[in-house]
Amino acid sequence: MVRIVGLAALFGAGLLLAGGLAASGVADVTTTETVPVTTTVSETTTEPATTVVTTEERTTTEKVTPTTGTTTEASSTSKTPTWVWVVLAVLAAAVVGLIVALLTRRSGISAEERQRRLDSTVAGWTAQGWAIENQSPGSAILRRGPELMVVSIDDKGQTNVRPLGNSGGQGGSPGW
């Protein structure tokens, strides 16, 4: 589960980094200019002369893409949003934390947890009529009449119960 979360965090960091780089790229610049054109037409007729003036307006749209060598202003300013840097910093901290957690993870359980599990298991057996004959950290020997058994908890937290031979020279099998 931890590996899946780590993989998802790295994937998300890559997506945010790609989005941040795309947002800080050079934008297309579109320039629109209007050029007025004046045309004068003179007509000669028998009536008084009339001058017709026609104004024609033309709009030209030109797409200009700045190159890196010609514009010093575009190359000196970076407009990456602050939130992108904050998200990248948080993701970097999460990745570092995940790596530290994976490297410092111990296999097994603590001595306190091991003893707690042993006490819980022994309490269950004593409720069924078994008596504690001897107990040490991580294991206990239980007796019920001539039957003996060892209850232990290993480093991984697994409970192991195994019978011991009869004590006092009494014959018979404990039934396990």
Foldseek 3Di string as FASTA:
>chain_A
DLVVVLVVLVVVLVVLVVVLVVVQDFDKDKDKDKDKDKDKDWDDDPPPTDIDIDIDIDIDIDIDGDDPVPDPVSVVDTDRDPVSVVSNVVSVVVNVVSVVCVVPDDAFDDLVVLQVLAVVVVVVVVVVPWDWPDDDRFKTWIDHPQWIWMWGADRNGDIDIDTDDGPPPDDDDPPD
